[in-house]
Structures are given as structure tokens and as C-alpha cells.
Amino acid sequence: MNHANFHIGLEFIGSAGFRWRCTDIGTRTILAIQLDRDDDPNWYRGPPYIAKEVVFDEHEMTNCHLTDEDAIRAALHEADTSGHPGFSGEVVKHMMHARFEEVETRYPHKGVLRFDRRTIDGEILHPYAVRKDGEGWIMRLYLPFQQSYSEMSERDFIALPVAREADVRARADRSTSL
């Protein structure tokens, strides 16, 4: 879905399969409340709302759907057309262990971990955790096409462009042409 698809009162399914109701529309974001209580509609009366309003930005809106069927179709389309190689179980396990260790460091910029980045030469970098290095932060990265790990300073990482679908496809095409 995109910003134009939303209106106040619209019920939709978010990326994790939870039901939401749009409560406000901004210039490039929407607000929504999670519909997680079926026992009493008073939880969802407002504004003001008892339920917490959550911001959905442009990126999060693209992962929203009107029905479960739409969500499944979108997931199948992504699997069929994306060039992303995915993550093995072992890689996911490694990343989750690292993320669990990170809890003690209290990284203040969690939004940095939301988006993959693209290097100048087209490599895709997936941030999965951080570690403290003196006064700065080091991003712990997985390179899905190389199936390897790397690290980079937070400053250098955020200076890179966010990886778009076209970047992933270009990197995948480069892999298949080798």
C-alpha cells in the first residue's frame, strides 16, 4: 500500500500480520492503533485513543495490506521477483545472538538498523547489530551476496545510500553473470 491508499478508519494488516486502524494521516506518514483486543470496542474510541498510536512511514506502508490474501500474494511476488538471496538459518542464529548481546550496550539510534545500505560498488550491507568502540559505534553487517560478515563505523554506514529494490536486483544480476 502507499500513502494515498489510507484514510482515517481504514483497517489493514501490518507487516507482522497484526490488524491496525488508521487514525490520522500526515504529509508522508500515517498513525494507526493496533486492534489487539476483541472483547471491548471502547479500547478503540477516540481521539484521544487509549490504545497507543504508532507511526507508519513510507517504508512501513509498503508492507501493509487490506487482506491476508493480499499479504500472501505480495510475499509470493517478492519471493518470485526479488534478487535477494535470503538468510540461512545459521546466519539468522548468528545475527540474533549478536542482537541479544547488543541489549546491554543500549544503542540509541535503532533506526539505523532498519535499512540495508549500498556501497559505491553496489554491494548490499545488512545491519544486524552494533558494538561500542570508545565514543563511537561500529555497525555489524552481513553481506548476503558474499555470505560474509563485516563491520563499519556508524558514521561511514549512515553516509551510504539506503539500498532500494533496484539495487538488490542489480547486485543479483551481477552475481548471476559471473
N, C-alpha and C. Protein backbone atom coordinates (compact mmCIF):
# COMPACT_ATOMS: atom_id res chain seq x y z
N MET A 1 0.85 -1.17 0.00
CA MET A 1 0.00 0.00 0.00
C MET A 1 0.89 1.23 0.00
N ASN A 2 0.34 2.34 -0.40
CA ASN A 2 1.07 3.59 -0.32
C ASN A 2 0.21 4.63 0.39
N HIS A 3 0.77 5.78 0.63
CA HIS A 3 0.12 6.82 1.42
C HIS A 3 -1.30 7.13 0.92
N ALA A 4 -1.49 7.19 -0.39
CA ALA A 4 -2.79 7.55 -0.96
C ALA A 4 -3.87 6.50 -0.69
N ASN A 5 -3.49 5.28 -0.35
CA ASN A 5 -4.46 4.22 -0.08
C ASN A 5 -5.12 4.32 1.29
N PHE A 6 -4.55 5.13 2.17
CA PHE A 6 -5.03 5.19 3.55
C PHE A 6 -6.05 6.30 3.76
N HIS A 7 -6.99 6.05 4.65
CA HIS A 7 -7.93 7.07 5.11
C HIS A 7 -8.25 6.76 6.57
N ILE A 8 -8.68 7.76 7.29
CA ILE A 8 -9.00 7.57 8.71
C ILE A 8 -10.12 6.55 8.83
N GLY A 9 -9.91 5.57 9.68
CA GLY A 9 -10.87 4.49 9.88
C GLY A 9 -10.56 3.23 9.10
N LEU A 10 -9.65 3.30 8.13
CA LEU A 10 -9.30 2.12 7.33
C LEU A 10 -8.64 1.07 8.21
N GLU A 11 -9.12 -0.17 8.12
CA GLU A 11 -8.48 -1.28 8.82
C GLU A 11 -7.61 -2.02 7.83
N PHE A 12 -6.42 -2.38 8.28
CA PHE A 12 -5.44 -3.03 7.40
C PHE A 12 -4.59 -3.99 8.20
N ILE A 13 -3.78 -4.76 7.49
CA ILE A 13 -2.88 -5.72 8.11
C ILE A 13 -1.46 -5.20 7.93
N GLY A 14 -0.72 -5.15 9.04
CA GLY A 14 0.67 -4.69 9.01
C GLY A 14 1.62 -5.81 8.66
N SER A 15 2.90 -5.49 8.62
CA SER A 15 3.92 -6.43 8.15
C SER A 15 4.01 -7.71 8.97
N ALA A 16 3.70 -7.68 10.25
CA ALA A 16 3.79 -8.88 11.08
C ALA A 16 2.45 -9.62 11.16
N GLY A 17 1.46 -9.19 10.37
CA GLY A 17 0.18 -9.86 10.35
C GLY A 17 -0.83 -9.34 11.37
N PHE A 18 -0.50 -8.29 12.09
CA PHE A 18 -1.42 -7.71 13.07
C PHE A 18 -2.42 -6.78 12.37
N ARG A 19 -3.61 -6.66 12.95
CA ARG A 19 -4.63 -5.76 12.42
C ARG A 19 -4.45 -4.38 13.02
N TRP A 20 -4.64 -3.35 12.17
CA TRP A 20 -4.49 -1.95 12.57
C TRP A 20 -5.66 -1.14 12.04
N ARG A 21 -5.88 0.04 12.65
CA ARG A 21 -6.86 1.01 12.15
C ARG A 21 -6.18 2.36 12.02
N CYS A 22 -6.28 2.96 10.85
CA CYS A 22 -5.70 4.28 10.59
C CYS A 22 -6.46 5.33 11.40
N THR A 23 -5.70 6.16 12.13
CA THR A 23 -6.32 7.19 12.98
C THR A 23 -5.98 8.61 12.55
N ASP A 24 -4.94 8.77 11.73
CA ASP A 24 -4.55 10.10 11.28
C ASP A 24 -3.66 9.96 10.06
N ILE A 25 -3.68 10.97 9.21
CA ILE A 25 -2.86 10.97 8.00
C ILE A 25 -2.04 12.24 7.97
N GLY A 26 -0.73 12.07 7.88
CA GLY A 26 0.17 13.21 7.78
C GLY A 26 0.62 13.41 6.35
N THR A 27 1.60 14.25 6.16
CA THR A 27 2.12 14.54 4.83
C THR A 27 2.75 13.31 4.18
N ARG A 28 3.52 12.54 4.95
CA ARG A 28 4.16 11.35 4.41
C ARG A 28 4.09 10.15 5.34
N THR A 29 3.30 10.26 6.40
CA THR A 29 3.13 9.17 7.36
C THR A 29 1.65 9.02 7.70
N ILE A 30 1.35 7.92 8.36
CA ILE A 30 0.02 7.75 8.95
C ILE A 30 0.22 7.34 10.40
N LEU A 31 -0.83 7.51 11.20
CA LEU A 31 -0.87 6.98 12.55
C LEU A 31 -1.92 5.89 12.56
N ALA A 32 -1.69 4.85 13.37
CA ALA A 32 -2.66 3.77 13.47
C ALA A 32 -2.60 3.16 14.86
N ILE A 33 -3.71 2.56 15.26
CA ILE A 33 -3.76 1.82 16.51
C ILE A 33 -3.89 0.34 16.19
N GLN A 34 -3.23 -0.49 17.00
CA GLN A 34 -3.31 -1.93 16.79
C GLN A 34 -4.62 -2.44 17.37
N LEU A 35 -5.32 -3.25 16.59
CA LEU A 35 -6.60 -3.82 17.01
C LEU A 35 -6.33 -5.19 17.64
N ASP A 36 -5.87 -5.16 18.87
CA ASP A 36 -5.45 -6.40 19.52
C ASP A 36 -6.38 -6.86 20.64
N ARG A 37 -7.52 -6.18 20.79
CA ARG A 37 -8.49 -6.55 21.84
C ARG A 37 -9.87 -6.66 21.20
N ASP A 38 -10.39 -7.86 21.14
CA ASP A 38 -11.71 -8.07 20.53
C ASP A 38 -12.84 -8.00 21.55
N ASP A 39 -12.50 -7.89 22.82
CA ASP A 39 -13.52 -8.01 23.86
C ASP A 39 -14.31 -6.73 24.13
N ASP A 40 -13.80 -5.56 23.74
CA ASP A 40 -14.49 -4.32 24.07
C ASP A 40 -14.09 -3.22 23.09
N PRO A 41 -15.03 -2.72 22.27
CA PRO A 41 -14.70 -1.69 21.28
C PRO A 41 -14.30 -0.35 21.89
N ASN A 42 -14.55 -0.16 23.17
CA ASN A 42 -14.18 1.11 23.82
C ASN A 42 -12.68 1.35 23.82
N TRP A 43 -11.90 0.29 23.68
CA TRP A 43 -10.44 0.46 23.60
C TRP A 43 -10.03 1.29 22.39
N TYR A 44 -10.90 1.33 21.39
CA TYR A 44 -10.54 1.95 20.11
C TYR A 44 -11.29 3.24 19.83
N ARG A 45 -12.02 3.75 20.81
CA ARG A 45 -12.72 5.02 20.62
C ARG A 45 -11.74 6.17 20.76
N GLY A 46 -11.95 7.19 19.98
CA GLY A 46 -11.09 8.35 20.08
C GLY A 46 -11.28 9.23 18.87
N PRO A 47 -10.49 10.25 18.71
CA PRO A 47 -9.37 10.65 19.58
C PRO A 47 -9.87 11.37 20.83
N PRO A 48 -9.07 11.43 21.85
CA PRO A 48 -7.80 10.72 22.04
C PRO A 48 -8.06 9.23 22.25
N TYR A 49 -7.09 8.43 21.90
CA TYR A 49 -7.20 6.98 21.96
C TYR A 49 -6.52 6.44 23.21
N ILE A 50 -7.14 5.41 23.79
CA ILE A 50 -6.49 4.69 24.88
C ILE A 50 -5.33 3.89 24.30
N ALA A 51 -5.59 3.23 23.18
CA ALA A 51 -4.56 2.44 22.51
C ALA A 51 -3.48 3.38 21.97
N LYS A 52 -2.25 2.93 22.01
CA LYS A 52 -1.12 3.74 21.54
C LYS A 52 -1.17 3.90 20.02
N GLU A 53 -1.04 5.13 19.56
CA GLU A 53 -0.95 5.38 18.12
C GLU A 53 0.51 5.19 17.68
N VAL A 54 0.68 4.47 16.59
CA VAL A 54 2.00 4.14 16.07
C VAL A 54 2.17 4.79 14.70
N VAL A 55 3.35 5.34 14.45
CA VAL A 55 3.65 5.98 13.17
C VAL A 55 4.08 4.93 12.16
N PHE A 56 3.48 5.00 10.97
CA PHE A 56 3.90 4.19 9.82
C PHE A 56 4.47 5.15 8.79
N ASP A 57 5.75 4.95 8.43
CA ASP A 57 6.36 5.80 7.40
C ASP A 57 6.20 5.14 6.03
N GLU A 58 6.76 5.78 5.00
CA GLU A 58 6.59 5.27 3.63
C GLU A 58 7.06 3.83 3.49
N HIS A 59 8.16 3.51 4.15
CA HIS A 59 8.71 2.16 4.07
C HIS A 59 7.74 1.15 4.70
N GLU A 60 7.23 1.46 5.88
CA GLU A 60 6.32 0.54 6.57
C GLU A 60 4.99 0.40 5.84
N MET A 61 4.53 1.47 5.20
CA MET A 61 3.25 1.41 4.48
C MET A 61 3.30 0.40 3.33
N THR A 62 4.47 0.26 2.70
CA THR A 62 4.56 -0.68 1.57
C THR A 62 4.38 -2.12 2.01
N ASN A 63 4.53 -2.39 3.30
CA ASN A 63 4.36 -3.74 3.83
C ASN A 63 2.97 -3.96 4.43
N CYS A 64 2.05 -3.04 4.20
CA CYS A 64 0.68 -3.15 4.71
C CYS A 64 -0.25 -3.64 3.60
N HIS A 65 -1.30 -4.35 4.00
CA HIS A 65 -2.24 -4.92 3.04
C HIS A 65 -3.65 -4.87 3.60
N LEU A 66 -4.64 -4.90 2.72
CA LEU A 66 -6.03 -4.85 3.16
C LEU A 66 -6.53 -6.20 3.66
N THR A 67 -6.00 -7.29 3.09
CA THR A 67 -6.45 -8.63 3.48
C THR A 67 -5.25 -9.55 3.65
N ASP A 68 -5.50 -10.68 4.31
CA ASP A 68 -4.46 -11.70 4.43
C ASP A 68 -4.04 -12.21 3.05
N GLU A 69 -5.02 -12.35 2.17
CA GLU A 69 -4.74 -12.84 0.82
C GLU A 69 -3.81 -11.88 0.08
N ASP A 70 -4.05 -10.58 0.22
CA ASP A 70 -3.16 -9.59 -0.41
C ASP A 70 -1.74 -9.72 0.14
N ALA A 71 -1.62 -9.94 1.44
CA ALA A 71 -0.30 -10.08 2.06
C ALA A 71 0.42 -11.32 1.53
N ILE A 72 -0.32 -12.41 1.39
CA ILE A 72 0.29 -13.65 0.88
C ILE A 72 0.71 -13.47 -0.58
N ARG A 73 -0.17 -12.86 -1.39
CA ARG A 73 0.19 -12.61 -2.80
C ARG A 73 1.45 -11.74 -2.90
N ALA A 74 1.53 -10.71 -2.07
CA ALA A 74 2.70 -9.82 -2.09
C ALA A 74 3.96 -10.58 -1.68
N ALA A 75 3.85 -11.44 -0.68
CA ALA A 75 5.01 -12.22 -0.24
C ALA A 75 5.47 -13.18 -1.34
N LEU A 76 4.52 -13.81 -2.01
CA LEU A 76 4.88 -14.71 -3.11
C LEU A 76 5.52 -13.94 -4.26
N HIS A 77 4.96 -12.78 -4.58
CA HIS A 77 5.53 -11.95 -5.65
C HIS A 77 6.97 -11.54 -5.29
N GLU A 78 7.17 -11.12 -4.05
CA GLU A 78 8.51 -10.73 -3.60
C GLU A 78 9.48 -11.91 -3.71
N ALA A 79 9.03 -13.09 -3.30
CA ALA A 79 9.90 -14.27 -3.37
C ALA A 79 10.24 -14.62 -4.82
N ASP A 80 9.28 -14.42 -5.72
CA ASP A 80 9.49 -14.76 -7.13
C ASP A 80 10.33 -13.73 -7.88
N THR A 81 10.28 -12.46 -7.46
CA THR A 81 10.91 -11.41 -8.25
C THR A 81 12.13 -10.76 -7.60
N SER A 82 12.27 -10.88 -6.30
CA SER A 82 13.40 -10.24 -5.63
C SER A 82 14.69 -10.99 -5.95
N GLY A 83 15.74 -10.26 -6.06
CA GLY A 83 17.03 -10.87 -6.27
C GLY A 83 17.74 -11.20 -4.97
N HIS A 84 17.11 -10.90 -3.84
CA HIS A 84 17.76 -11.09 -2.54
C HIS A 84 17.97 -12.58 -2.28
N PRO A 85 19.18 -12.98 -1.89
CA PRO A 85 19.46 -14.39 -1.67
C PRO A 85 18.87 -14.95 -0.37
N GLY A 86 18.39 -14.08 0.51
CA GLY A 86 17.82 -14.55 1.77
C GLY A 86 18.90 -14.81 2.81
N PHE A 87 18.48 -15.36 3.94
CA PHE A 87 19.38 -15.64 5.06
C PHE A 87 19.22 -17.09 5.48
N SER A 88 20.32 -17.80 5.61
CA SER A 88 20.26 -19.18 6.08
C SER A 88 19.91 -19.19 7.56
N GLY A 89 19.49 -20.33 8.06
CA GLY A 89 19.18 -20.47 9.47
C GLY A 89 20.38 -20.16 10.35
N GLU A 90 21.55 -20.57 9.91
CA GLU A 90 22.77 -20.31 10.68
C GLU A 90 23.07 -18.82 10.76
N VAL A 91 22.85 -18.10 9.66
CA VAL A 91 23.08 -16.65 9.65
C VAL A 91 22.08 -15.96 10.57
N VAL A 92 20.82 -16.36 10.50
CA VAL A 92 19.80 -15.76 11.38
C VAL A 92 20.17 -16.00 12.84
N LYS A 93 20.59 -17.19 13.15
CA LYS A 93 21.01 -17.52 14.52
C LYS A 93 22.16 -16.63 14.97
N HIS A 94 23.15 -16.46 14.11
CA HIS A 94 24.30 -15.59 14.42
C HIS A 94 23.84 -14.15 14.67
N MET A 95 22.97 -13.65 13.80
CA MET A 95 22.50 -12.27 13.94
C MET A 95 21.67 -12.09 15.21
N MET A 96 20.84 -13.06 15.55
CA MET A 96 20.01 -12.95 16.75
C MET A 96 20.88 -12.99 18.02
N HIS A 97 21.89 -13.85 18.03
CA HIS A 97 22.81 -13.88 19.18
C HIS A 97 23.50 -12.53 19.33
N ALA A 98 23.95 -11.96 18.23
CA ALA A 98 24.63 -10.65 18.29
C ALA A 98 23.66 -9.57 18.75
N ARG A 99 22.43 -9.61 18.27
CA ARG A 99 21.44 -8.61 18.68
C ARG A 99 21.13 -8.75 20.16
N PHE A 100 21.07 -9.98 20.66
CA PHE A 100 20.81 -10.21 22.08
C PHE A 100 21.95 -9.64 22.94
N GLU A 101 23.19 -9.82 22.48
CA GLU A 101 24.34 -9.27 23.20
C GLU A 101 24.29 -7.75 23.21
N GLU A 102 23.75 -7.16 22.16
CA GLU A 102 23.68 -5.71 22.00
C GLU A 102 22.78 -5.05 23.04
N VAL A 103 21.82 -5.80 23.59
CA VAL A 103 20.86 -5.23 24.54
C VAL A 103 21.58 -4.51 25.67
N GLU A 104 22.71 -5.03 26.08
CA GLU A 104 23.44 -4.43 27.19
C GLU A 104 24.11 -3.11 26.80
N THR A 105 24.32 -2.86 25.51
CA THR A 105 25.02 -1.64 25.10
C THR A 105 24.08 -0.45 24.93
N ARG A 106 22.78 -0.67 24.85
CA ARG A 106 21.79 0.42 24.73
C ARG A 106 22.10 1.36 23.57
N TYR A 107 22.14 0.81 22.39
CA TYR A 107 22.37 1.61 21.19
C TYR A 107 21.24 2.62 21.01
N PRO A 108 21.55 3.92 20.95
CA PRO A 108 20.50 4.94 20.93
C PRO A 108 19.88 5.23 19.56
N HIS A 109 20.40 4.66 18.49
CA HIS A 109 19.94 5.01 17.14
C HIS A 109 19.37 3.78 16.42
N LYS A 110 18.36 3.16 17.00
CA LYS A 110 17.80 1.90 16.46
C LYS A 110 17.34 2.03 15.01
N GLY A 111 16.96 3.22 14.59
CA GLY A 111 16.51 3.41 13.21
C GLY A 111 17.59 3.10 12.19
N VAL A 112 18.85 3.19 12.58
CA VAL A 112 19.95 2.88 11.66
C VAL A 112 19.91 1.41 11.26
N LEU A 113 19.37 0.56 12.14
CA LEU A 113 19.32 -0.87 11.86
C LEU A 113 18.15 -1.26 10.96
N ARG A 114 17.29 -0.32 10.61
CA ARG A 114 16.10 -0.63 9.82
C ARG A 114 16.37 -0.90 8.35
N PHE A 115 17.39 -0.26 7.79
CA PHE A 115 17.56 -0.29 6.34
C PHE A 115 18.93 -0.82 5.92
N ASP A 116 18.91 -1.68 4.90
CA ASP A 116 20.15 -2.09 4.27
C ASP A 116 20.73 -0.88 3.54
N ARG A 117 22.03 -0.91 3.33
CA ARG A 117 22.70 0.17 2.60
C ARG A 117 23.43 -0.43 1.39
N ARG A 118 23.79 0.46 0.47
CA ARG A 118 24.50 0.05 -0.75
C ARG A 118 25.84 0.77 -0.80
N THR A 119 26.89 0.00 -1.03
CA THR A 119 28.22 0.61 -1.17
C THR A 119 28.37 1.19 -2.56
N ILE A 120 29.43 1.94 -2.77
CA ILE A 120 29.71 2.56 -4.07
C ILE A 120 29.80 1.51 -5.17
N ASP A 121 30.36 0.33 -4.85
CA ASP A 121 30.50 -0.72 -5.86
C ASP A 121 29.26 -1.62 -5.96
N GLY A 122 28.17 -1.25 -5.27
CA GLY A 122 26.91 -1.97 -5.42
C GLY A 122 26.67 -3.10 -4.44
N GLU A 123 27.59 -3.30 -3.49
CA GLU A 123 27.39 -4.37 -2.51
C GLU A 123 26.28 -3.98 -1.54
N ILE A 124 25.48 -4.94 -1.13
CA ILE A 124 24.39 -4.71 -0.18
C ILE A 124 24.87 -5.06 1.22
N LEU A 125 24.66 -4.14 2.16
CA LEU A 125 25.08 -4.33 3.55
C LEU A 125 23.84 -4.39 4.43
N HIS A 126 23.69 -5.48 5.16
CA HIS A 126 22.55 -5.65 6.07
C HIS A 126 23.02 -5.46 7.51
N PRO A 127 22.59 -4.37 8.18
CA PRO A 127 23.00 -4.16 9.57
C PRO A 127 22.18 -5.05 10.50
N TYR A 128 22.85 -5.74 11.40
CA TYR A 128 22.10 -6.62 12.30
C TYR A 128 22.40 -6.35 13.77
N ALA A 129 23.47 -5.64 14.08
CA ALA A 129 23.81 -5.34 15.47
C ALA A 129 24.86 -4.24 15.48
N VAL A 130 25.21 -3.80 16.67
CA VAL A 130 26.25 -2.78 16.84
C VAL A 130 27.14 -3.19 18.01
N ARG A 131 28.29 -2.54 18.06
CA ARG A 131 29.14 -2.67 19.25
C ARG A 131 29.74 -1.31 19.52
N LYS A 132 30.00 -1.05 20.78
CA LYS A 132 30.59 0.21 21.21
C LYS A 132 32.08 0.17 20.93
N ASP A 133 32.61 1.29 20.44
CA ASP A 133 34.04 1.41 20.18
C ASP A 133 34.47 2.78 20.68
N GLY A 134 34.94 2.83 21.92
CA GLY A 134 35.30 4.12 22.51
C GLY A 134 34.08 5.00 22.62
N GLU A 135 34.12 6.16 21.97
CA GLU A 135 32.98 7.09 21.99
C GLU A 135 32.01 6.84 20.84
N GLY A 136 32.39 5.99 19.89
CA GLY A 136 31.56 5.76 18.71
C GLY A 136 30.94 4.37 18.68
N TRP A 137 30.30 4.09 17.57
CA TRP A 137 29.62 2.82 17.36
C TRP A 137 30.13 2.16 16.09
N ILE A 138 30.21 0.85 16.13
CA ILE A 138 30.59 0.05 14.97
C ILE A 138 29.37 -0.79 14.56
N MET A 139 29.01 -0.68 13.30
CA MET A 139 27.89 -1.46 12.76
C MET A 139 28.40 -2.85 12.42
N ARG A 140 27.66 -3.85 12.85
CA ARG A 140 27.96 -5.24 12.48
C ARG A 140 27.07 -5.56 11.29
N LEU A 141 27.67 -6.02 10.21
CA LEU A 141 26.99 -6.14 8.92
C LEU A 141 27.06 -7.56 8.38
N TYR A 142 26.03 -7.93 7.64
CA TYR A 142 26.05 -9.17 6.87
C TYR A 142 25.93 -8.78 5.41
N LEU A 143 26.77 -9.37 4.57
CA LEU A 143 26.75 -9.13 3.14
C LEU A 143 26.10 -10.36 2.49
N PRO A 144 24.80 -10.31 2.19
CA PRO A 144 24.08 -11.51 1.77
C PRO A 144 24.56 -12.14 0.47
N PHE A 145 25.06 -11.34 -0.45
CA PHE A 145 25.52 -11.91 -1.72
C PHE A 145 26.89 -12.56 -1.59
N GLN A 146 27.69 -12.06 -0.68
CA GLN A 146 29.01 -12.66 -0.42
C GLN A 146 28.94 -13.72 0.68
N GLN A 147 27.82 -13.75 1.39
CA GLN A 147 27.63 -14.63 2.53
C GLN A 147 28.78 -14.48 3.52
N SER A 148 29.05 -13.22 3.87
CA SER A 148 30.14 -12.93 4.80
C SER A 148 29.74 -11.81 5.74
N TYR A 149 30.53 -11.63 6.77
CA TYR A 149 30.29 -10.59 7.77
C TYR A 149 31.34 -9.51 7.65
N SER A 150 30.97 -8.31 8.08
CA SER A 150 31.90 -7.19 8.05
C SER A 150 31.49 -6.21 9.14
N GLU A 151 32.30 -5.19 9.32
CA GLU A 151 32.00 -4.12 10.26
C GLU A 151 32.36 -2.80 9.62
N MET A 152 31.70 -1.74 10.09
CA MET A 152 31.94 -0.40 9.55
C MET A 152 31.52 0.60 10.62
N SER A 153 32.20 1.72 10.66
CA SER A 153 31.80 2.74 11.63
C SER A 153 30.38 3.22 11.31
N GLU A 154 29.67 3.59 12.35
CA GLU A 154 28.32 4.11 12.18
C GLU A 154 28.31 5.30 11.22
N ARG A 155 29.27 6.18 11.39
CA ARG A 155 29.35 7.39 10.56
C ARG A 155 29.48 7.03 9.07
N ASP A 156 30.36 6.09 8.75
CA ASP A 156 30.53 5.68 7.35
C ASP A 156 29.27 4.97 6.83
N PHE A 157 28.65 4.16 7.69
CA PHE A 157 27.47 3.41 7.28
C PHE A 157 26.31 4.34 6.92
N ILE A 158 26.01 5.30 7.79
CA ILE A 158 24.86 6.17 7.51
C ILE A 158 25.10 7.12 6.35
N ALA A 159 26.37 7.28 5.95
CA ALA A 159 26.67 8.12 4.78
C ALA A 159 26.33 7.40 3.47
N LEU A 160 26.19 6.08 3.51
CA LEU A 160 25.85 5.31 2.31
C LEU A 160 24.36 5.44 2.00
N PRO A 161 24.00 5.32 0.72
CA PRO A 161 22.57 5.38 0.37
C PRO A 161 21.84 4.12 0.84
N VAL A 162 20.56 4.30 1.18
CA VAL A 162 19.72 3.16 1.53
C VAL A 162 19.58 2.29 0.29
N ALA A 163 19.70 0.98 0.47
CA ALA A 163 19.57 0.05 -0.65
C ALA A 163 18.11 -0.05 -1.06
N ARG A 164 17.84 0.13 -2.33
CA ARG A 164 16.49 0.03 -2.88
C ARG A 164 16.34 -1.32 -3.57
N GLU A 165 15.11 -1.63 -3.93
CA GLU A 165 14.84 -2.89 -4.62
C GLU A 165 15.68 -3.01 -5.90
N ALA A 166 15.82 -1.92 -6.62
CA ALA A 166 16.61 -1.93 -7.86
C ALA A 166 18.08 -2.23 -7.58
N ASP A 167 18.59 -1.78 -6.43
CA ASP A 167 19.98 -2.06 -6.06
C ASP A 167 20.18 -3.55 -5.79
N VAL A 168 19.21 -4.15 -5.11
CA VAL A 168 19.29 -5.58 -4.81
C VAL A 168 19.23 -6.37 -6.12
N ARG A 169 18.32 -5.97 -7.02
CA ARG A 169 18.19 -6.65 -8.30
C ARG A 169 19.48 -6.52 -9.12
N ALA A 170 20.07 -5.32 -9.14
CA ALA A 170 21.32 -5.10 -9.89
C ALA A 170 22.44 -5.97 -9.31
N ARG A 171 22.50 -6.08 -7.99
CA ARG A 171 23.54 -6.91 -7.36
C ARG A 171 23.29 -8.38 -7.68
N ALA A 172 22.05 -8.81 -7.68
CA ALA A 172 21.72 -10.20 -8.02
C ALA A 172 22.09 -10.49 -9.47
N ASP A 173 21.79 -9.56 -10.37
CA ASP A 173 22.13 -9.75 -11.78
C ASP A 173 23.63 -9.86 -11.96
N ARG A 174 24.38 -9.08 -11.19
CA ARG A 174 25.84 -9.14 -11.25
C ARG A 174 26.34 -10.51 -10.80
N SER A 175 25.69 -11.09 -9.80
CA SER A 175 26.08 -12.41 -9.29
C SER A 175 25.83 -13.50 -10.32
N THR A 176 24.71 -13.42 -11.02
CA THR A 176 24.37 -14.46 -11.98
C THR A 176 25.18 -14.36 -13.27
N SER A 177 25.75 -13.19 -13.52
CA SER A 177 26.53 -13.02 -14.76
C SER A 177 27.99 -13.41 -14.58
N LEU A 178 28.38 -13.72 -13.35
CA LEU A 178 29.79 -14.09 -13.09
C LEU A 178 30.08 -15.50 -13.50
